[in-house]
């Protein structure tokens, strides 16, 4: 029986390939394990918009949510990140495995514009499992709002 993420992907009819890999501890390790460049490792972040209201934000590897840009896009003054338990309750997935495909609630999806025109990899609902697929097709299937909502990840 496929995971909810794989079942949801199958239902879209989108072509994809499953990538299984050992646990990873960094973005660089994830890219190497998946055989892709860092920007093609997409992080799916759950953002709390209000009580019982969330959304997914898809960010390319090496970039982080720009809170001012995201708040301006949504026309709100306040957003927050739920803790791990609240994120699991909102999506049905553990942190590190979250994907909009097959989530328990189909929250709105906001995707950074830099994903367009790429083959991306997303978590597939389980640790060590990702899917590779065409970003444009995935964004269309998810009815994503595509905008500039990220900044480069700060260097340490």
C-alpha atoms as a PDB file:
ATOM      1  CA  UNK A   1       0.000   0.000   0.000  1.00  0.00           C
ATOM      2  CA  UNK A   2       1.588   3.311  -1.026  1.00  0.00           C
ATOM      3  CA  UNK A   3       2.089   6.163   1.418  1.00  0.00           C
ATOM      4  CA  UNK A   4      -0.487   8.977   1.324  1.00  0.00           C
ATOM      5  CA  UNK A   5       2.029  11.141  -0.572  1.00  0.00           C
ATOM      6  CA  UNK A   6       2.653   8.521  -3.258  1.00  0.00           C
ATOM      7  CA  UNK A   7      -1.062   7.725  -3.536  1.00  0.00           C
ATOM      8  CA  UNK A   8      -1.826  11.441  -3.972  1.00  0.00           C
ATOM      9  CA  UNK A   9       0.880  11.776  -6.622  1.00  0.00           C
ATOM     10  CA  UNK A  10      -0.484   8.735  -8.446  1.00  0.00           C
ATOM     11  CA  UNK A  11      -3.947  10.323  -8.404  1.00  0.00           C
ATOM     12  CA  UNK A  12      -2.599  13.441 -10.156  1.00  0.00           C
ATOM     13  CA  UNK A  13      -1.215  11.417 -13.050  1.00  0.00           C
ATOM     14  CA  UNK A  14       2.063  13.360 -12.827  1.00  0.00           C
ATOM     15  CA  UNK A  15       5.183  11.455 -13.794  1.00  0.00           C
ATOM     16  CA  UNK A  16       7.644  11.201 -10.910  1.00  0.00           C
ATOM     17  CA  UNK A  17      10.396   8.963  -9.656  1.00  0.00           C
ATOM     18  CA  UNK A  18      10.931   7.796  -6.111  1.00  0.00           C
ATOM     19  CA  UNK A  19      14.356   8.299  -4.545  1.00  0.00           C
ATOM     20  CA  UNK A  20      15.224   6.330  -1.423  1.00  0.00           C
ATOM     21  CA  UNK A  21      18.278   7.297   0.595  1.00  0.00           C
ATOM     22  CA  UNK A  22      19.874   6.946   4.005  1.00  0.00           C
ATOM     23  CA  UNK A  23      19.161   9.559   6.667  1.00  0.00           C
ATOM     24  CA  UNK A  24      20.709  12.949   5.937  1.00  0.00           C
ATOM     25  CA  UNK A  25      21.742  15.692   8.335  1.00  0.00           C
ATOM     26  CA  UNK A  26      22.049  18.666   5.989  1.00  0.00           C
ATOM     27  CA  UNK A  27      20.831  20.180   2.765  1.00  0.00           C
ATOM     28  CA  UNK A  28      24.119  19.305   1.081  1.00  0.00           C
ATOM     29  CA  UNK A  29      23.779  15.672   2.160  1.00  0.00           C
ATOM     30  CA  UNK A  30      20.202  15.573   0.872  1.00  0.00           C
ATOM     31  CA  UNK A  31      21.271  16.954  -2.515  1.00  0.00           C
ATOM     32  CA  UNK A  32      24.118  14.444  -2.780  1.00  0.00           C
ATOM     33  CA  UNK A  33      21.902  11.537  -1.739  1.00  0.00           C
ATOM     34  CA  UNK A  34      19.276  12.547  -4.301  1.00  0.00           C
ATOM     35  CA  UNK A  35      21.826  13.254  -7.047  1.00  0.00           C
ATOM     36  CA  UNK A  36      20.649  16.846  -7.568  1.00  0.00           C
ATOM     37  CA  UNK A  37      21.834  20.403  -7.055  1.00  0.00           C
ATOM     38  CA  UNK A  38      21.007  22.153  -3.767  1.00  0.00           C
ATOM     39  CA  UNK A  39      18.305  24.438  -5.284  1.00  0.00           C
ATOM     40  CA  UNK A  40      16.460  21.313  -6.481  1.00  0.00           C
ATOM     41  CA  UNK A  41      15.968  20.054  -2.913  1.00  0.00           C
ATOM     42  CA  UNK A  42      12.676  21.715  -2.034  1.00  0.00           C
ATOM     43  CA  UNK A  43      11.722  22.287   1.569  1.00  0.00           C
ATOM     44  CA  UNK A  44       8.011  22.153   2.359  1.00  0.00           C
ATOM     45  CA  UNK A  45       7.372  24.389   5.338  1.00  0.00           C
ATOM     46  CA  UNK A  46       4.094  24.660   7.224  1.00  0.00           C
ATOM     47  CA  UNK A  47       3.157  28.195   8.215  1.00  0.00           C
ATOM     48  CA  UNK A  48       0.391  29.070  10.646  1.00  0.00           C
ATOM     49  CA  UNK A  49      -1.781  31.892   9.346  1.00  0.00           C
ATOM     50  CA  UNK A  50      -4.281  31.896  12.202  1.00  0.00           C
ATOM     51  CA  UNK A  51      -6.152  29.558  14.545  1.00  0.00           C
ATOM     52  CA  UNK A  52      -6.694  26.313  12.629  1.00  0.00           C
ATOM     53  CA  UNK A  53      -5.433  27.883   9.404  1.00  0.00           C
ATOM     54  CA  UNK A  54      -2.150  26.893   7.786  1.00  0.00           C
ATOM     55  CA  UNK A  55      -0.430  26.953   4.413  1.00  0.00           C
ATOM     56  CA  UNK A  56       2.484  25.223   2.752  1.00  0.00           C
ATOM     57  CA  UNK A  57       5.464  27.246   1.543  1.00  0.00           C
ATOM     58  CA  UNK A  58       7.801  25.558  -0.943  1.00  0.00           C
ATOM     59  CA  UNK A  59      11.334  26.941  -0.870  1.00  0.00           C
ATOM     60  CA  UNK A  60      14.322  25.901  -2.961  1.00  0.00           C
ATOM     61  CA  UNK A  61      17.384  24.624  -1.136  1.00  0.00           C
ATOM     62  CA  UNK A  62      19.720  27.404  -0.097  1.00  0.00           C
ATOM     63  CA  UNK A  63      16.862  29.867   0.459  1.00  0.00           C
ATOM     64  CA  UNK A  64      14.644  30.745   3.413  1.00  0.00           C
ATOM     65  CA  UNK A  65      11.196  32.267   3.735  1.00  0.00           C
ATOM     66  CA  UNK A  66      11.252  36.047   3.531  1.00  0.00           C
ATOM     67  CA  UNK A  67       8.672  36.854   6.184  1.00  0.00           C
ATOM     68  CA  UNK A  68       8.102  40.438   4.937  1.00  0.00           C
ATOM     69  CA  UNK A  69       7.539  39.203   1.352  1.00  0.00           C
ATOM     70  CA  UNK A  70       5.210  36.398   2.472  1.00  0.00           C
ATOM     71  CA  UNK A  71       3.184  38.675   4.770  1.00  0.00           C
ATOM     72  CA  UNK A  72       2.852  41.242   1.966  1.00  0.00           C
ATOM     73  CA  UNK A  73       1.725  38.573  -0.517  1.00  0.00           C
ATOM     74  CA  UNK A  74      -0.917  37.299   1.907  1.00  0.00           C
ATOM     75  CA  UNK A  75      -1.939  40.748   3.154  1.00  0.00           C
ATOM     76  CA  UNK A  76      -1.403  39.822   6.795  1.00  0.00           C
ATOM     77  CA  UNK A  77       0.691  41.302   9.564  1.00  0.00           C
ATOM     78  CA  UNK A  78       1.411  38.098  11.401  1.00  0.00           C
ATOM     79  CA  UNK A  79       2.471  34.543  10.531  1.00  0.00           C
ATOM     80  CA  UNK A  80       4.226  31.886  12.589  1.00  0.00           C
ATOM     81  CA  UNK A  81       5.772  28.450  12.381  1.00  0.00           C
ATOM     82  CA  UNK A  82       3.910  25.773  14.335  1.00  0.00           C
ATOM     83  CA  UNK A  83       5.838  23.468  16.635  1.00  0.00           C
ATOM     84  CA  UNK A  84       6.491  19.899  15.503  1.00  0.00           C
ATOM     85  CA  UNK A  85       3.330  18.484  17.100  1.00  0.00           C
ATOM     86  CA  UNK A  86       1.095  21.177  15.595  1.00  0.00           C
ATOM     87  CA  UNK A  87       2.723  20.725  12.175  1.00  0.00           C
ATOM     88  CA  UNK A  88       2.031  16.989  12.336  1.00  0.00           C
ATOM     89  CA  UNK A  89      -1.560  17.618  13.396  1.00  0.00           C
ATOM     90  CA  UNK A  90      -2.034  20.082  10.515  1.00  0.00           C
ATOM     91  CA  UNK A  91      -0.473  17.862   7.827  1.00  0.00           C
ATOM     92  CA  UNK A  92      -0.369  14.256   9.001  1.00  0.00           C
ATOM     93  CA  UNK A  93       3.399  14.248   8.445  1.00  0.00           C
ATOM     94  CA  UNK A  94       6.424  14.519  10.731  1.00  0.00           C
ATOM     95  CA  UNK A  95       8.833  17.396  10.217  1.00  0.00           C
ATOM     96  CA  UNK A  96      11.416  16.398   7.658  1.00  0.00           C
ATOM     97  CA  UNK A  97       8.844  14.396   5.677  1.00  0.00           C
ATOM     98  CA  UNK A  98       6.185  17.065   5.037  1.00  0.00           C
ATOM     99  CA  UNK A  99       4.790  17.413   1.535  1.00  0.00           C
ATOM    100  CA  UNK A 100       1.590  19.007   0.258  1.00  0.00           C
ATOM    101  CA  UNK A 101       0.834  15.764  -1.606  1.00  0.00           C
ATOM    102  CA  UNK A 102      -1.390  13.568   0.533  1.00  0.00           C
ATOM    103  CA  UNK A 103      -1.495  15.881   3.538  1.00  0.00           C
ATOM    104  CA  UNK A 104      -4.508  15.363   5.788  1.00  0.00           C
ATOM    105  CA  UNK A 105      -5.708  18.865   4.833  1.00  0.00           C
ATOM    106  CA  UNK A 106      -5.127  20.413   1.414  1.00  0.00           C
ATOM    107  CA  UNK A 107      -3.813  23.726   2.719  1.00  0.00           C
ATOM    108  CA  UNK A 108      -3.041  26.462   0.171  1.00  0.00           C
ATOM    109  CA  UNK A 109       0.421  26.236  -1.389  1.00  0.00           C
ATOM    110  CA  UNK A 110       2.753  29.182  -1.937  1.00  0.00           C
ATOM    111  CA  UNK A 111       5.846  28.371  -4.007  1.00  0.00           C
ATOM    112  CA  UNK A 112       8.915  30.481  -4.560  1.00  0.00           C
ATOM    113  CA  UNK A 113       9.191  31.571  -8.180  1.00  0.00           C
ATOM    114  CA  UNK A 114      12.715  30.155  -8.446  1.00  0.00           C
ATOM    115  CA  UNK A 115      11.247  26.635  -8.612  1.00  0.00           C
ATOM    116  CA  UNK A 116       9.816  27.210 -12.089  1.00  0.00           C
ATOM    117  CA  UNK A 117      11.444  25.386 -14.982  1.00  0.00           C
ATOM    118  CA  UNK A 118      13.298  22.875 -12.822  1.00  0.00           C
ATOM    119  CA  UNK A 119      13.083  19.237 -11.896  1.00  0.00           C
ATOM    120  CA  UNK A 120      12.700  19.316  -8.127  1.00  0.00           C
ATOM    121  CA  UNK A 121      12.785  16.808  -5.308  1.00  0.00           C
ATOM    122  CA  UNK A 122      10.267  16.872  -2.478  1.00  0.00           C
ATOM    123  CA  UNK A 123       9.837  14.849   0.666  1.00  0.00           C
ATOM    124  CA  UNK A 124       7.422  11.966   0.172  1.00  0.00           C
ATOM    125  CA  UNK A 125       5.944  11.585   3.628  1.00  0.00           C
ATOM    126  CA  UNK A 126       8.594   9.231   5.029  1.00  0.00           C
ATOM    127  CA  UNK A 127      12.155   9.735   6.232  1.00  0.00           C
ATOM    128  CA  UNK A 128      14.645   8.786   3.511  1.00  0.00           C
ATOM    129  CA  UNK A 129      12.091   8.934   0.705  1.00  0.00           C
ATOM    130  CA  UNK A 130      11.771  11.745  -1.829  1.00  0.00           C
ATOM    131  CA  UNK A 131      10.195  12.179  -5.228  1.00  0.00           C
ATOM    132  CA  UNK A 132      11.661  13.935  -8.254  1.00  0.00           C
ATOM    133  CA  UNK A 133       9.231  15.643 -10.608  1.00  0.00           C
ATOM    134  CA  UNK A 134       8.743  18.594 -12.904  1.00  0.00           C
ATOM    135  CA  UNK A 135       8.224  21.695 -10.772  1.00  0.00           C
ATOM    136  CA  UNK A 136       5.851  23.429 -13.178  1.00  0.00           C
ATOM    137  CA  UNK A 137       3.575  20.384 -13.395  1.00  0.00           C
ATOM    138  CA  UNK A 138       3.643  19.937  -9.612  1.00  0.00           C
ATOM    139  CA  UNK A 139       2.827  23.606  -8.984  1.00  0.00           C
ATOM    140  CA  UNK A 140      -0.085  23.388 -11.401  1.00  0.00           C
ATOM    141  CA  UNK A 141      -1.388  20.195  -9.758  1.00  0.00           C
ATOM    142  CA  UNK A 142      -1.167  21.876  -6.349  1.00  0.00           C
ATOM    143  CA  UNK A 143      -2.842  25.091  -7.617  1.00  0.00           C
ATOM    144  CA  UNK A 144       0.124  26.887  -6.071  1.00  0.00           C
ATOM    145  CA  UNK A 145       0.486  30.633  -5.898  1.00  0.00           C
ATOM    146  CA  UNK A 146       3.946  31.310  -7.315  1.00  0.00           C
ATOM    147  CA  UNK A 147       5.768  34.446  -6.140  1.00  0.00           C
ATOM    148  CA  UNK A 148       9.073  35.776  -4.848  1.00  0.00           C
ATOM    149  CA  UNK A 149       8.786  34.715  -1.200  1.00  0.00           C
ATOM    150  CA  UNK A 150      12.378  33.775  -0.263  1.00  0.00           C
ATOM    151  CA  UNK A 151      15.757  35.280   0.474  1.00  0.00           C
ATOM    152  CA  UNK A 152      19.177  33.629   0.220  1.00  0.00           C
ATOM    153  CA  UNK A 153      19.994  31.533   3.262  1.00  0.00           C
ATOM    154  CA  UNK A 154      22.280  33.563   5.530  1.00  0.00           C
ATOM    155  CA  UNK A 155      25.885  32.424   5.585  1.00  0.00           C
ATOM    156  CA  UNK A 156      27.346  31.513   8.936  1.00  0.00           C
END
